[in-house]
Amino acid sequence: MENRIRELREEFRMTQQELAKKVGVSRQTIISLENGRYNPSINLAFKVSKAFDKLIEDIFIYNEEED
């Protein structure tokens, strides 16, 4: 699954640490999300979408070919 977290985080002028604190995870988790090494739980996806005031589907791009 692809995502726009890095792009949005930079647009909002937010550090990885700031986003991590806002959504209640470690900075390492944010790094893993941005690099596509980790797919978030639905709860984390909602928290990230709320942090950017976006819909989940505006941040996370589901790719059926990866299944």
PDB file of N, CA and C in Angstrom:
ATOM      1  N   MET A   1       0.844  -1.174   0.000  1.00  0.00           N
ATOM      2  CA  MET A   1       0.000   0.000   0.000  1.00  0.00           C
ATOM      3  C   MET A   1       0.892   1.241   0.000  1.00  0.00           C
ATOM      4  N   GLU A   2       0.621   2.132  -0.891  1.00  0.00           N
ATOM      5  CA  GLU A   2       1.346   3.399  -0.954  1.00  0.00           C
ATOM      6  C   GLU A   2       0.645   4.411  -0.060  1.00  0.00           C
ATOM      7  N   ASN A   3       1.369   5.474   0.285  1.00  0.00           N
ATOM      8  CA  ASN A   3       0.738   6.532   1.073  1.00  0.00           C
ATOM      9  C   ASN A   3       1.381   7.873   0.763  1.00  0.00           C
ATOM     10  N   ARG A   4       0.706   8.918   1.214  1.00  0.00           N
ATOM     11  CA  ARG A   4       1.161  10.295   0.992  1.00  0.00           C
ATOM     12  C   ARG A   4       1.610  10.953   2.293  1.00  0.00           C
ATOM     13  N   ILE A   5       1.992  10.153   3.275  1.00  0.00           N
ATOM     14  CA  ILE A   5       2.312  10.704   4.593  1.00  0.00           C
ATOM     15  C   ILE A   5       3.467  11.697   4.518  1.00  0.00           C
ATOM     16  N   ARG A   6       4.560  11.313   3.894  1.00  0.00           N
ATOM     17  CA  ARG A   6       5.717  12.227   3.823  1.00  0.00           C
ATOM     18  C   ARG A   6       5.331  13.529   3.127  1.00  0.00           C
ATOM     19  N   GLU A   7       4.646  13.408   2.012  1.00  0.00           N
ATOM     20  CA  GLU A   7       4.225  14.590   1.246  1.00  0.00           C
ATOM     21  C   GLU A   7       3.361  15.512   2.108  1.00  0.00           C
ATOM     22  N   LEU A   8       2.371  14.941   2.795  1.00  0.00           N
ATOM     23  CA  LEU A   8       1.479  15.747   3.624  1.00  0.00           C
ATOM     24  C   LEU A   8       2.200  16.309   4.847  1.00  0.00           C
ATOM     25  N   ARG A   9       3.058  15.509   5.441  1.00  0.00           N
ATOM     26  CA  ARG A   9       3.809  15.960   6.609  1.00  0.00           C
ATOM     27  C   ARG A   9       4.672  17.175   6.242  1.00  0.00           C
ATOM     28  N   GLU A  10       5.319  17.114   5.095  1.00  0.00           N
ATOM     29  CA  GLU A  10       6.133  18.237   4.645  1.00  0.00           C
ATOM     30  C   GLU A  10       5.264  19.447   4.306  1.00  0.00           C
ATOM     31  N   GLU A  11       4.113  19.200   3.692  1.00  0.00           N
ATOM     32  CA  GLU A  11       3.183  20.278   3.367  1.00  0.00           C
ATOM     33  C   GLU A  11       2.719  20.993   4.637  1.00  0.00           C
ATOM     34  N   PHE A  12       2.496  20.221   5.701  1.00  0.00           N
ATOM     35  CA  PHE A  12       2.053  20.772   6.978  1.00  0.00           C
ATOM     36  C   PHE A  12       3.228  21.247   7.837  1.00  0.00           C
ATOM     37  N   ARG A  13       4.446  21.151   7.283  1.00  0.00           N
ATOM     38  CA  ARG A  13       5.669  21.565   7.984  1.00  0.00           C
ATOM     39  C   ARG A  13       5.770  20.897   9.359  1.00  0.00           C
ATOM     40  N   MET A  14       5.598  19.582   9.334  1.00  0.00           N
ATOM     41  CA  MET A  14       5.601  18.781  10.550  1.00  0.00           C
ATOM     42  C   MET A  14       6.774  17.802  10.498  1.00  0.00           C
ATOM     43  N   THR A  15       7.466  17.652  11.612  1.00  0.00           N
ATOM     44  CA  THR A  15       8.549  16.671  11.658  1.00  0.00           C
ATOM     45  C   THR A  15       7.962  15.281  11.882  1.00  0.00           C
ATOM     46  N   GLN A  16       8.778  14.273  11.642  1.00  0.00           N
ATOM     47  CA  GLN A  16       8.336  12.901  11.913  1.00  0.00           C
ATOM     48  C   GLN A  16       8.000  12.746  13.386  1.00  0.00           C
ATOM     49  N   GLN A  17       8.810  13.351  14.251  1.00  0.00           N
ATOM     50  CA  GLN A  17       8.578  13.268  15.692  1.00  0.00           C
ATOM     51  C   GLN A  17       7.260  13.934  16.080  1.00  0.00           C
ATOM     52  N   GLU A  18       6.959  15.069  15.495  1.00  0.00           N
ATOM     53  CA  GLU A  18       5.710  15.768  15.798  1.00  0.00           C
ATOM     54  C   GLU A  18       4.498  14.938  15.378  1.00  0.00           C
ATOM     55  N   LEU A  19       4.575  14.343  14.191  1.00  0.00           N
ATOM     56  CA  LEU A  19       3.475  13.501  13.731  1.00  0.00           C
ATOM     57  C   LEU A  19       3.342  12.274  14.623  1.00  0.00           C
ATOM     58  N   ALA A  20       4.463  11.672  14.970  1.00  0.00           N
ATOM     59  CA  ALA A  20       4.446  10.491  15.832  1.00  0.00           C
ATOM     60  C   ALA A  20       3.753  10.798  17.155  1.00  0.00           C
ATOM     61  N   LYS A  21       4.106  11.913  17.748  1.00  0.00           N
ATOM     62  CA  LYS A  21       3.497  12.304  19.027  1.00  0.00           C
ATOM     63  C   LYS A  21       1.999  12.554  18.867  1.00  0.00           C
ATOM     64  N   LYS A  22       1.644  13.190  17.779  1.00  0.00           N
ATOM     65  CA  LYS A  22       0.236  13.524  17.528  1.00  0.00           C
ATOM     66  C   LYS A  22      -0.643  12.277  17.379  1.00  0.00           C
ATOM     67  N   VAL A  23      -0.089  11.221  16.791  1.00  0.00           N
ATOM     68  CA  VAL A  23      -0.888  10.010  16.555  1.00  0.00           C
ATOM     69  C   VAL A  23      -0.572   8.894  17.549  1.00  0.00           C
ATOM     70  N   GLY A  24       0.377   9.133  18.471  1.00  0.00           N
ATOM     71  CA  GLY A  24       0.644   8.188  19.539  1.00  0.00           C
ATOM     72  C   GLY A  24       1.481   6.974  19.166  1.00  0.00           C
ATOM     73  N   VAL A  25       2.456   7.189  18.282  1.00  0.00           N
ATOM     74  CA  VAL A  25       3.368   6.101  17.902  1.00  0.00           C
ATOM     75  C   VAL A  25       4.803   6.618  17.978  1.00  0.00           C
ATOM     76  N   SER A  26       5.761   5.749  17.735  1.00  0.00           N
ATOM     77  CA  SER A  26       7.166   6.156  17.735  1.00  0.00           C
ATOM     78  C   SER A  26       7.530   6.802  16.394  1.00  0.00           C
ATOM     79  N   ARG A  27       8.611   7.562  16.415  1.00  0.00           N
ATOM     80  CA  ARG A  27       9.130   8.148  15.170  1.00  0.00           C
ATOM     81  C   ARG A  27       9.501   7.038  14.194  1.00  0.00           C
ATOM     82  N   GLN A  28       9.998   5.924  14.707  1.00  0.00           N
ATOM     83  CA  GLN A  28      10.371   4.788  13.860  1.00  0.00           C
ATOM     84  C   GLN A  28       9.163   4.256  13.088  1.00  0.00           C
ATOM     85  N   THR A  29       7.999   4.266  13.727  1.00  0.00           N
ATOM     86  CA  THR A  29       6.769   3.819  13.042  1.00  0.00           C
ATOM     87  C   THR A  29       6.447   4.741  11.880  1.00  0.00           C
ATOM     88  N   ILE A  30       6.594   6.046  12.099  1.00  0.00           N
ATOM     89  CA  ILE A  30       6.338   7.012  11.020  1.00  0.00           C
ATOM     90  C   ILE A  30       7.322   6.783   9.878  1.00  0.00           C
ATOM     91  N   ILE A  31       8.586   6.557  10.207  1.00  0.00           N
ATOM     92  CA  ILE A  31       9.593   6.276   9.181  1.00  0.00           C
ATOM     93  C   ILE A  31       9.200   5.041   8.382  1.00  0.00           C
ATOM     94  N   SER A  32       8.789   3.985   9.080  1.00  0.00           N
ATOM     95  CA  SER A  32       8.389   2.744   8.406  1.00  0.00           C
ATOM     96  C   SER A  32       7.168   2.959   7.522  1.00  0.00           C
ATOM     97  N   LEU A  33       6.217   3.743   7.992  1.00  0.00           N
ATOM     98  CA  LEU A  33       5.031   4.057   7.181  1.00  0.00           C
ATOM     99  C   LEU A  33       5.437   4.809   5.916  1.00  0.00           C
ATOM    100  N   GLU A  34       6.249   5.839   6.085  1.00  0.00           N
ATOM    101  CA  GLU A  34       6.656   6.655   4.941  1.00  0.00           C
ATOM    102  C   GLU A  34       7.428   5.854   3.908  1.00  0.00           C
ATOM    103  N   ASN A  35       8.186   4.887   4.370  1.00  0.00           N
ATOM    104  CA  ASN A  35       8.990   4.072   3.453  1.00  0.00           C
ATOM    105  C   ASN A  35       8.235   2.851   2.924  1.00  0.00           C
ATOM    106  N   GLY A  36       6.967   2.705   3.296  1.00  0.00           N
ATOM    107  CA  GLY A  36       6.155   1.613   2.788  1.00  0.00           C
ATOM    108  C   GLY A  36       6.506   0.251   3.369  1.00  0.00           C
ATOM    109  N   ARG A  37       7.200   0.221   4.502  1.00  0.00           N
ATOM    110  CA  ARG A  37       7.577  -1.045   5.122  1.00  0.00           C
ATOM    111  C   ARG A  37       6.548  -1.531   6.137  1.00  0.00           C
ATOM    112  N   TYR A  38       5.550  -0.705   6.398  1.00  0.00           N
ATOM    113  CA  TYR A  38       4.570  -1.031   7.431  1.00  0.00           C
ATOM    114  C   TYR A  38       3.202  -0.530   6.998  1.00  0.00           C
ATOM    115  N   ASN A  39       2.210  -1.400   7.078  1.00  0.00           N
ATOM    116  CA  ASN A  39       0.829  -0.995   6.815  1.00  0.00           C
ATOM    117  C   ASN A  39       0.155  -0.730   8.153  1.00  0.00           C
ATOM    118  N   PRO A  40      -0.471   0.423   8.297  1.00  0.00           N
ATOM    119  CA  PRO A  40      -1.036   0.791   9.589  1.00  0.00           C
ATOM    120  C   PRO A  40      -2.303   0.007   9.921  1.00  0.00           C
ATOM    121  N   SER A  41      -2.578  -0.079  11.209  1.00  0.00           N
ATOM    122  CA  SER A  41      -3.873  -0.604  11.649  1.00  0.00           C
ATOM    123  C   SER A  41      -4.926   0.410  11.228  1.00  0.00           C
ATOM    124  N   ILE A  42      -6.163   0.012  11.244  1.00  0.00           N
ATOM    125  CA  ILE A  42      -7.243   0.936  10.875  1.00  0.00           C
ATOM    126  C   ILE A  42      -7.283   2.098  11.858  1.00  0.00           C
ATOM    127  N   ASN A  43      -7.012   1.823  13.143  1.00  0.00           N
ATOM    128  CA  ASN A  43      -7.004   2.901  14.142  1.00  0.00           C
ATOM    129  C   ASN A  43      -5.917   3.925  13.838  1.00  0.00           C
ATOM    130  N   LEU A  44      -4.719   3.455  13.502  1.00  0.00           N
ATOM    131  CA  LEU A  44      -3.628   4.365  13.180  1.00  0.00           C
ATOM    132  C   LEU A  44      -3.930   5.134  11.897  1.00  0.00           C
ATOM    133  N   ALA A  45      -4.505   4.469  10.915  1.00  0.00           N
ATOM    134  CA  ALA A  45      -4.864   5.147   9.662  1.00  0.00           C
ATOM    135  C   ALA A  45      -5.849   6.283   9.935  1.00  0.00           C
ATOM    136  N   PHE A  46      -6.820   6.054  10.820  1.00  0.00           N
ATOM    137  CA  PHE A  46      -7.772   7.107  11.186  1.00  0.00           C
ATOM    138  C   PHE A  46      -7.072   8.259  11.901  1.00  0.00           C
ATOM    139  N   LYS A  47      -6.136   7.943  12.797  1.00  0.00           N
ATOM    140  CA  LYS A  47      -5.416   8.996  13.520  1.00  0.00           C
ATOM    141  C   LYS A  47      -4.576   9.834  12.570  1.00  0.00           C
ATOM    142  N   VAL A  48      -3.925   9.184  11.623  1.00  0.00           N
ATOM    143  CA  VAL A  48      -3.113   9.914  10.640  1.00  0.00           C
ATOM    144  C   VAL A  48      -4.012  10.799   9.784  1.00  0.00           C
ATOM    145  N   SER A  49      -5.138  10.262   9.348  1.00  0.00           N
ATOM    146  CA  SER A  49      -6.045  11.055   8.517  1.00  0.00           C
ATOM    147  C   SER A  49      -6.582  12.251   9.294  1.00  0.00           C
ATOM    148  N   LYS A  50      -6.856  12.057  10.569  1.00  0.00           N
ATOM    149  CA  LYS A  50      -7.344  13.163  11.409  1.00  0.00           C
ATOM    150  C   LYS A  50      -6.243  14.215  11.597  1.00  0.00           C
ATOM    151  N   ALA A  51      -4.994  13.776  11.753  1.00  0.00           N
ATOM    152  CA  ALA A  51      -3.880  14.712  11.936  1.00  0.00           C
ATOM    153  C   ALA A  51      -3.741  15.655  10.745  1.00  0.00           C
ATOM    154  N   PHE A  52      -4.071  15.169   9.558  1.00  0.00           N
ATOM    155  CA  PHE A  52      -3.969  15.977   8.347  1.00  0.00           C
ATOM    156  C   PHE A  52      -5.319  16.508   7.870  1.00  0.00           C
ATOM    157  N   ASP A  53      -6.383  16.199   8.613  1.00  0.00           N
ATOM    158  CA  ASP A  53      -7.738  16.617   8.241  1.00  0.00           C
ATOM    159  C   ASP A  53      -8.085  16.183   6.816  1.00  0.00           C
ATOM    160  N   LYS A  54      -7.787  14.906   6.550  1.00  0.00           N
ATOM    161  CA  LYS A  54      -8.039  14.310   5.234  1.00  0.00           C
ATOM    162  C   LYS A  54      -8.792  13.000   5.416  1.00  0.00           C
ATOM    163  N   LEU A  55      -9.380  12.503   4.354  1.00  0.00           N
ATOM    164  CA  LEU A  55      -9.982  11.177   4.361  1.00  0.00           C
ATOM    165  C   LEU A  55      -8.877  10.132   4.258  1.00  0.00           C
ATOM    166  N   ILE A  56      -9.117   8.962   4.821  1.00  0.00           N
ATOM    167  CA  ILE A  56      -8.119   7.887   4.755  1.00  0.00           C
ATOM    168  C   ILE A  56      -7.708   7.622   3.315  1.00  0.00           C
ATOM    169  N   GLU A  57      -8.684   7.583   2.423  1.00  0.00           N
ATOM    170  CA  GLU A  57      -8.378   7.260   1.028  1.00  0.00           C
ATOM    171  C   GLU A  57      -7.621   8.381   0.312  1.00  0.00           C
ATOM    172  N   ASP A  58      -7.539   9.571   0.936  1.00  0.00           N
ATOM    173  CA  ASP A  58      -6.713  10.649   0.379  1.00  0.00           C
ATOM    174  C   ASP A  58      -5.250  10.498   0.786  1.00  0.00           C
ATOM    175  N   ILE A  59      -4.990   9.626   1.766  1.00  0.00           N
ATOM    176  CA  ILE A  59      -3.633   9.433   2.269  1.00  0.00           C
ATOM    177  C   ILE A  59      -3.057   8.079   1.872  1.00  0.00           C
ATOM    178  N   PHE A  60      -3.883   7.050   2.000  1.00  0.00           N
ATOM    179  CA  PHE A  60      -3.438   5.688   1.727  1.00  0.00           C
ATOM    180  C   PHE A  60      -4.004   5.206   0.402  1.00  0.00           C
ATOM    181  N   ILE A  61      -3.132   4.727  -0.470  1.00  0.00           N
ATOM    182  CA  ILE A  61      -3.525   4.281  -1.812  1.00  0.00           C
ATOM    183  C   ILE A  61      -3.404   2.770  -1.871  1.00  0.00           C
ATOM    184  N   TYR A  62      -4.551   2.120  -1.962  1.00  0.00           N
ATOM    185  CA  TYR A  62      -4.592   0.662  -2.010  1.00  0.00           C
ATOM    186  C   TYR A  62      -4.278   0.189  -3.417  1.00  0.00           C
ATOM    187  N   ASN A  63      -3.375  -0.775  -3.509  1.00  0.00           N
ATOM    188  CA  ASN A  63      -2.989  -1.321  -4.794  1.00  0.00           C
ATOM    189  C   ASN A  63      -3.308  -2.823  -4.786  1.00  0.00           C
ATOM    190  N   GLU A  64      -4.341  -3.235  -5.510  1.00  0.00           N
ATOM    191  CA  GLU A  64      -4.779  -4.631  -5.502  1.00  0.00           C
ATOM    192  C   GLU A  64      -3.680  -5.584  -5.984  1.00  0.00           C
ATOM    193  N   GLU A  65      -2.800  -5.113  -6.830  1.00  0.00           N
ATOM    194  CA  GLU A  65      -1.753  -5.965  -7.390  1.00  0.00           C
ATOM    195  C   GLU A  65      -0.766  -6.432  -6.332  1.00  0.00           C
ATOM    196  N   GLU A  66      -0.713  -5.757  -5.188  1.00  0.00           N
ATOM    197  CA  GLU A  66       0.219  -6.126  -4.129  1.00  0.00           C
ATOM    198  C   GLU A  66      -0.285  -7.275  -3.280  1.00  0.00           C
ATOM    199  N   ASP A  67      -1.559  -7.618  -3.382  1.00  0.00           N
ATOM    200  CA  ASP A  67      -2.126  -8.713  -2.554  1.00  0.00           C
ATOM    201  C   ASP A  67      -1.627 -10.058  -2.965  1.00  0.00           C
TER     202      ASP A  67
END
